[in-house]
Amino acid sequence: MRLLIVPLLSSVFFFSLLQAQSPLADLTIDAGLLKSSLRLSVQKFSSSNCAVQEGCVAGPGKRKLLRFAVATPNVGDADLVLGNPADHPELFVYSPCHGHYHFQGYALYELLDASGVVVLRGRKQAFCLADSLQYQSGAGPAKFTCDYQGISVGWADVYGNNLDCQWLDVTALRRGTYTLRVTVNPDHALPESNYDNNTAEVPVTIK
């Protein structure tokens, strides 16, 4: 198995060469898990809470949250290798509140109303891209952890709906039917063989 090493992501030319010459990772969304994990909850936040400080909720106090889990399997032909977050300032930003690194903009969360208009948008700041779940039966052993990050072929990184900021703050929205759209690697910051399968949509009812 060849490994795809991700260096400085600012070089479009470099990525073009990778896509032309090397096998690549291919990230997608597990739509089944996304749909089955949806739930609404109410939580109270203080002004010092990390979720408030990092913009995961609109403000302190009681907030209505649409929680959901996101699994991003690598179904490509190469491992996605990020390595030590401290070695990649172009990708990771250290969060003093949470005490660990965030990969900013790993996933985009959007809520659309019945007419297809985006009424709410949020971005997932991934803190650990790792081999969390074996997604394909023929996958090899897990390789990546929070210390040396990446996603192996046939494995998925999973963020459960119980994690901090794994939600959209729907406090201000009216009751009704919406569509939750989740896109992994929305800015194409990570080189993939296929960007057409990076999005999943599921129906949501806000009560």
Protein backbone atom coordinates (compact mmCIF):
# COMPACT_ATOMS: atom_id res chain seq x y z
CA MET A 1 0.00 0.00 0.00
CA ARG A 2 1.41 3.37 -0.98
CA LEU A 3 1.02 6.18 1.48
CA LEU A 4 -0.09 9.67 0.54
CA ILE A 5 1.92 12.13 2.60
CA VAL A 6 0.26 15.54 2.86
CA PRO A 7 2.86 18.37 2.97
CA LEU A 8 2.24 22.09 2.56
CA LEU A 9 -1.29 22.46 1.26
CA SER A 10 -0.76 25.87 -0.29
CA SER A 11 0.78 24.45 -3.47
CA VAL A 12 -1.92 23.83 -6.06
CA PHE A 13 0.73 22.73 -8.54
CA PHE A 14 2.02 20.08 -6.13
CA PHE A 15 -1.47 18.67 -5.64
CA SER A 16 -2.03 18.59 -9.39
CA LEU A 17 1.07 16.43 -9.71
CA LEU A 18 -0.16 14.15 -6.91
CA GLN A 19 -3.51 13.69 -8.59
CA ALA A 20 -1.85 12.92 -11.92
CA GLN A 21 0.83 10.53 -10.69
CA SER A 22 -0.18 8.95 -7.37
CA PRO A 23 -3.04 6.91 -5.91
CA LEU A 24 -5.10 9.11 -3.63
CA ALA A 25 -7.42 8.92 -0.67
CA ASP A 26 -11.17 9.36 -1.24
CA LEU A 27 -13.23 10.69 1.67
CA THR A 28 -16.98 10.31 1.84
CA ILE A 29 -19.84 10.55 4.38
CA ASP A 30 -21.68 7.64 6.00
CA ALA A 31 -25.24 8.86 5.35
CA GLY A 32 -26.81 5.99 7.31
CA LEU A 33 -24.99 6.88 10.51
CA LEU A 34 -25.73 10.56 9.97
CA LYS A 35 -29.47 9.90 9.74
CA SER A 36 -29.69 7.40 12.60
CA SER A 37 -27.74 9.61 15.02
CA LEU A 38 -29.90 12.74 14.75
CA ARG A 39 -31.32 14.04 18.01
CA LEU A 40 -32.40 17.31 19.58
CA SER A 41 -31.23 18.37 23.02
CA VAL A 42 -31.24 21.46 25.22
CA GLN A 43 -28.06 22.46 27.02
CA LYS A 44 -27.08 25.43 29.15
CA PHE A 45 -23.75 27.14 28.48
CA SER A 46 -21.75 29.62 30.54
CA SER A 47 -19.85 32.43 28.85
CA SER A 48 -16.58 30.64 29.70
CA ASN A 49 -17.59 27.40 27.98
CA CYS A 50 -15.33 26.44 25.07
CA ALA A 51 -18.36 25.99 22.82
CA VAL A 52 -19.27 29.66 23.38
CA GLN A 53 -15.72 30.91 22.99
CA GLU A 54 -15.21 28.99 19.75
CA GLY A 55 -18.56 29.89 18.21
CA CYS A 56 -20.20 26.46 18.36
CA VAL A 57 -23.30 28.11 19.85
CA ALA A 58 -24.69 31.57 19.23
CA GLY A 59 -24.24 32.64 22.85
CA PRO A 60 -24.43 31.62 26.52
CA GLY A 61 -27.60 30.38 28.19
CA LYS A 62 -29.99 27.62 27.14
CA ARG A 63 -29.50 26.49 23.55
CA LYS A 64 -31.42 23.98 21.45
CA LEU A 65 -28.93 21.72 19.67
CA LEU A 66 -29.31 19.44 16.68
CA ARG A 67 -26.78 16.73 17.43
CA PHE A 68 -25.52 14.19 14.90
CA ALA A 69 -22.62 11.81 14.36
CA VAL A 70 -20.34 12.06 11.34
CA ALA A 71 -18.22 9.22 9.96
CA THR A 72 -15.83 9.97 7.10
CA PRO A 73 -14.58 6.74 5.52
CA ASN A 74 -11.58 6.62 3.22
CA VAL A 75 -12.74 4.56 0.23
CA GLY A 76 -9.80 5.53 -1.97
CA ASP A 77 -6.63 3.78 -3.09
CA ALA A 78 -4.20 5.40 -0.64
CA ASP A 79 -4.04 6.21 3.05
CA LEU A 80 -4.60 9.84 3.99
CA VAL A 81 -1.58 10.74 6.14
CA LEU A 82 -1.44 13.98 8.12
CA GLY A 83 1.06 13.02 10.82
CA ASN A 84 1.81 15.08 13.92
CA PRO A 85 -0.50 18.13 14.11
CA ALA A 86 2.32 20.25 15.54
CA ASP A 87 4.24 19.76 12.30
CA HIS A 88 1.43 21.17 10.15
CA PRO A 89 0.56 24.76 11.13
CA GLU A 90 -0.97 25.21 7.68
CA LEU A 91 -3.64 22.68 8.72
CA PHE A 92 -3.93 22.69 12.49
CA VAL A 93 -4.50 25.51 14.98
CA TYR A 94 -3.94 24.96 18.70
CA SER A 95 -7.00 25.58 20.87
CA PRO A 96 -5.98 26.88 24.31
CA CYS A 97 -9.54 26.35 25.57
CA HIS A 98 -9.74 22.67 24.62
CA GLY A 99 -6.02 22.07 25.06
CA HIS A 100 -5.48 20.33 21.72
CA TYR A 101 -5.09 21.05 18.02
CA HIS A 102 -8.01 21.67 15.67
CA PHE A 103 -8.04 20.92 11.96
CA GLN A 104 -10.14 23.88 10.89
CA GLY A 105 -12.84 23.35 8.29
CA TYR A 106 -12.62 19.57 8.05
CA ALA A 107 -16.37 19.39 7.44
CA LEU A 108 -19.12 21.85 6.58
CA TYR A 109 -22.56 21.55 8.19
CA GLU A 110 -25.56 23.25 6.55
CA LEU A 111 -29.26 23.27 7.35
CA LEU A 112 -31.61 24.01 4.46
CA ASP A 113 -35.27 24.97 4.71
CA ALA A 114 -38.08 23.41 2.64
CA SER A 115 -37.30 25.71 -0.30
CA GLY A 116 -33.62 24.72 -0.35
CA VAL A 117 -32.27 27.92 1.18
CA VAL A 118 -29.37 27.55 3.62
CA VAL A 119 -30.61 28.95 6.95
CA LEU A 120 -27.77 27.77 9.18
CA ARG A 121 -24.14 26.95 8.58
CA GLY A 122 -21.32 25.62 10.75
CA ARG A 123 -17.87 24.10 10.30
CA LYS A 124 -16.42 21.13 12.10
CA GLN A 125 -13.03 21.72 13.65
CA ALA A 126 -11.68 18.19 13.76
CA PHE A 127 -9.36 17.52 16.69
CA CYS A 128 -8.28 13.98 15.87
CA LEU A 129 -8.39 12.33 12.45
CA ALA A 130 -7.79 8.67 13.18
CA ASP A 131 -8.79 5.11 12.31
CA SER A 132 -11.87 5.02 14.56
CA LEU A 133 -13.98 2.40 12.77
CA GLN A 134 -13.21 -0.34 10.25
CA TYR A 135 -15.50 0.53 7.34
CA GLN A 136 -14.59 -2.13 4.77
CA SER A 137 -14.23 -5.83 5.59
CA GLY A 138 -10.94 -6.22 3.73
CA ALA A 139 -9.21 -3.27 5.37
CA GLY A 140 -5.81 -3.73 6.98
CA PRO A 141 -5.01 -2.98 10.62
CA ALA A 142 -5.54 0.49 12.07
CA LYS A 143 -2.51 2.77 11.76
CA PHE A 144 -3.47 6.28 12.77
CA THR A 145 -4.11 7.86 16.17
CA CYS A 146 -4.45 11.36 17.61
CA ASP A 147 -0.65 11.55 17.92
CA TYR A 148 -0.01 10.61 14.29
CA GLN A 149 -3.14 11.42 12.37
CA GLY A 150 -4.68 10.11 9.19
CA ILE A 151 -7.30 7.71 7.82
CA SER A 152 -6.30 4.34 6.38
CA VAL A 153 -7.94 2.86 3.31
CA GLY A 154 -11.10 1.05 4.44
CA TRP A 155 -11.26 2.88 7.77
CA ALA A 156 -13.37 5.81 8.94
CA ASP A 157 -12.86 8.70 11.30
CA VAL A 158 -15.93 9.04 13.53
CA TYR A 159 -17.24 11.93 15.61
CA GLY A 160 -20.08 10.84 17.89
CA ASN A 161 -23.09 13.04 18.57
CA ASN A 162 -22.06 13.28 22.23
CA LEU A 163 -18.91 15.27 21.45
CA ASP A 164 -18.49 18.97 22.09
CA CYS A 165 -19.50 21.11 19.09
CA GLN A 166 -20.83 18.10 17.18
CA TRP A 167 -24.07 19.94 16.55
CA LEU A 168 -25.84 22.90 15.00
CA ASP A 169 -27.39 25.53 17.28
CA VAL A 170 -31.03 25.60 16.10
CA THR A 171 -32.34 27.75 18.96
CA ALA A 172 -33.50 30.56 16.68
CA LEU A 173 -35.12 28.37 14.02
CA ARG A 174 -38.84 27.80 13.59
CA ARG A 175 -40.32 24.36 13.92
CA GLY A 176 -40.55 22.50 10.65
CA THR A 177 -38.87 20.19 8.18
CA TYR A 178 -35.31 20.86 7.09
CA THR A 179 -32.45 19.11 5.32
CA LEU A 180 -29.10 18.57 7.00
CA ARG A 181 -26.23 18.67 4.52
CA VAL A 182 -22.75 17.56 5.59
CA THR A 183 -19.70 17.97 3.35
CA VAL A 184 -16.26 16.62 4.21
CA ASN A 185 -13.19 18.46 2.95
CA PRO A 186 -15.39 21.27 1.57
CA ASP A 187 -12.51 23.49 0.46
CA HIS A 188 -10.62 20.57 -1.14
CA ALA A 189 -7.71 21.33 1.20
CA LEU A 190 -6.86 17.63 1.20
CA PRO A 191 -6.08 15.97 -2.14
CA GLU A 192 -8.58 13.26 -3.14
CA SER A 193 -9.25 11.16 -6.20
CA ASN A 194 -12.93 12.14 -6.16
CA TYR A 195 -14.67 15.16 -4.65
CA ASP A 196 -18.13 14.27 -6.00
CA ASN A 197 -18.97 11.93 -3.10
CA ASN A 198 -18.07 14.29 -0.26
CA THR A 199 -21.63 15.32 0.62
CA ALA A 200 -24.58 13.60 2.30
CA GLU A 201 -28.08 14.99 2.97
CA VAL A 202 -30.71 13.74 5.42
CA PRO A 203 -34.16 15.09 6.41
CA VAL A 204 -34.56 16.72 9.81
CA THR A 205 -37.65 17.74 11.79
CA ILE A 206 -37.22 20.58 14.29
CA LYS A 207 -39.85 20.45 17.03
